[in-house]
């Protein structure tokens, strides 16, 4: 199910989006923002993974013996 979200952009930003769509980088304005959101989500996940790796390297990680311990 899709939901409509309206946003307001300054003219230079709106022009950037329209130019990217017109150049064929995206099929629509919506696709531009979906791609942007996916990149943002990946970045957050990557930051969480990096933080976890640092915690493990510092000896603060917890070793799980089974998936049940994730709860």
Protein backbone atom coordinates (compact mmCIF):
# COMPACT_ATOMS: atom_id res chain seq x y z
CA UNK A 1 0.00 0.00 0.00
CA UNK A 2 1.33 3.43 -0.88
CA UNK A 3 0.85 6.66 0.96
CA UNK A 4 1.12 10.14 -0.49
CA UNK A 5 3.47 12.54 1.30
CA UNK A 6 3.79 16.13 0.10
CA UNK A 7 7.01 18.05 0.66
CA UNK A 8 8.08 21.61 0.03
CA UNK A 9 11.52 22.30 -1.45
CA UNK A 10 13.43 25.47 -2.21
CA UNK A 11 13.50 26.17 -5.96
CA UNK A 12 17.15 25.09 -6.48
CA UNK A 13 16.45 21.72 -4.85
CA UNK A 14 13.25 21.21 -6.84
CA UNK A 15 15.18 22.01 -10.02
CA UNK A 16 17.81 19.41 -9.09
CA UNK A 17 15.13 16.74 -8.70
CA UNK A 18 13.40 17.69 -11.95
CA UNK A 19 16.72 17.70 -13.81
CA UNK A 20 17.62 14.23 -12.51
CA UNK A 21 14.24 12.87 -13.61
CA UNK A 22 14.38 14.60 -17.00
CA UNK A 23 17.92 13.24 -17.58
CA UNK A 24 16.60 9.72 -17.03
CA UNK A 25 18.38 8.99 -13.76
CA UNK A 26 14.96 8.35 -12.17
CA UNK A 27 11.63 7.43 -13.72
CA UNK A 28 9.74 9.88 -11.50
CA UNK A 29 10.06 12.36 -8.67
CA UNK A 30 8.72 9.68 -6.32
CA UNK A 31 11.45 7.26 -7.43
CA UNK A 32 14.06 9.95 -6.74
CA UNK A 33 12.89 10.25 -3.14
CA UNK A 34 12.44 6.49 -2.66
CA UNK A 35 16.07 6.02 -3.74
CA UNK A 36 17.18 8.81 -1.41
CA UNK A 37 15.31 7.19 1.48
CA UNK A 38 16.80 3.75 0.73
CA UNK A 39 20.31 5.29 0.78
CA UNK A 40 19.54 6.98 4.10
CA UNK A 41 18.30 3.69 5.57
CA UNK A 42 21.41 1.84 4.36
CA UNK A 43 23.61 4.53 5.89
CA UNK A 44 21.89 4.19 9.26
CA UNK A 45 22.26 0.42 9.16
CA UNK A 46 25.92 0.72 8.22
CA UNK A 47 26.51 3.13 11.12
CA UNK A 48 24.86 0.68 13.52
CA UNK A 49 26.99 -2.18 12.21
CA UNK A 50 30.18 -0.12 12.52
CA UNK A 51 29.24 0.83 16.09
CA UNK A 52 28.63 -2.83 16.92
CA UNK A 53 31.99 -3.81 15.44
CA UNK A 54 33.73 -1.21 17.59
CA UNK A 55 31.93 -2.48 20.69
CA UNK A 56 32.95 -6.06 19.89
CA UNK A 57 36.55 -4.99 19.26
CA UNK A 58 36.54 -3.20 22.63
CA UNK A 59 35.34 -6.38 24.34
CA UNK A 60 31.86 -5.04 25.04
CA UNK A 61 30.06 -7.42 22.69
CA UNK A 62 27.93 -10.32 23.86
CA UNK A 63 28.49 -13.78 22.40
CA UNK A 64 25.21 -15.51 21.64
CA UNK A 65 25.06 -19.26 21.81
CA UNK A 66 21.66 -19.44 20.07
CA UNK A 67 19.14 -17.24 18.29
CA UNK A 68 16.85 -17.49 21.34
CA UNK A 69 19.29 -15.23 23.21
CA UNK A 70 18.41 -12.36 20.88
CA UNK A 71 15.16 -11.77 22.77
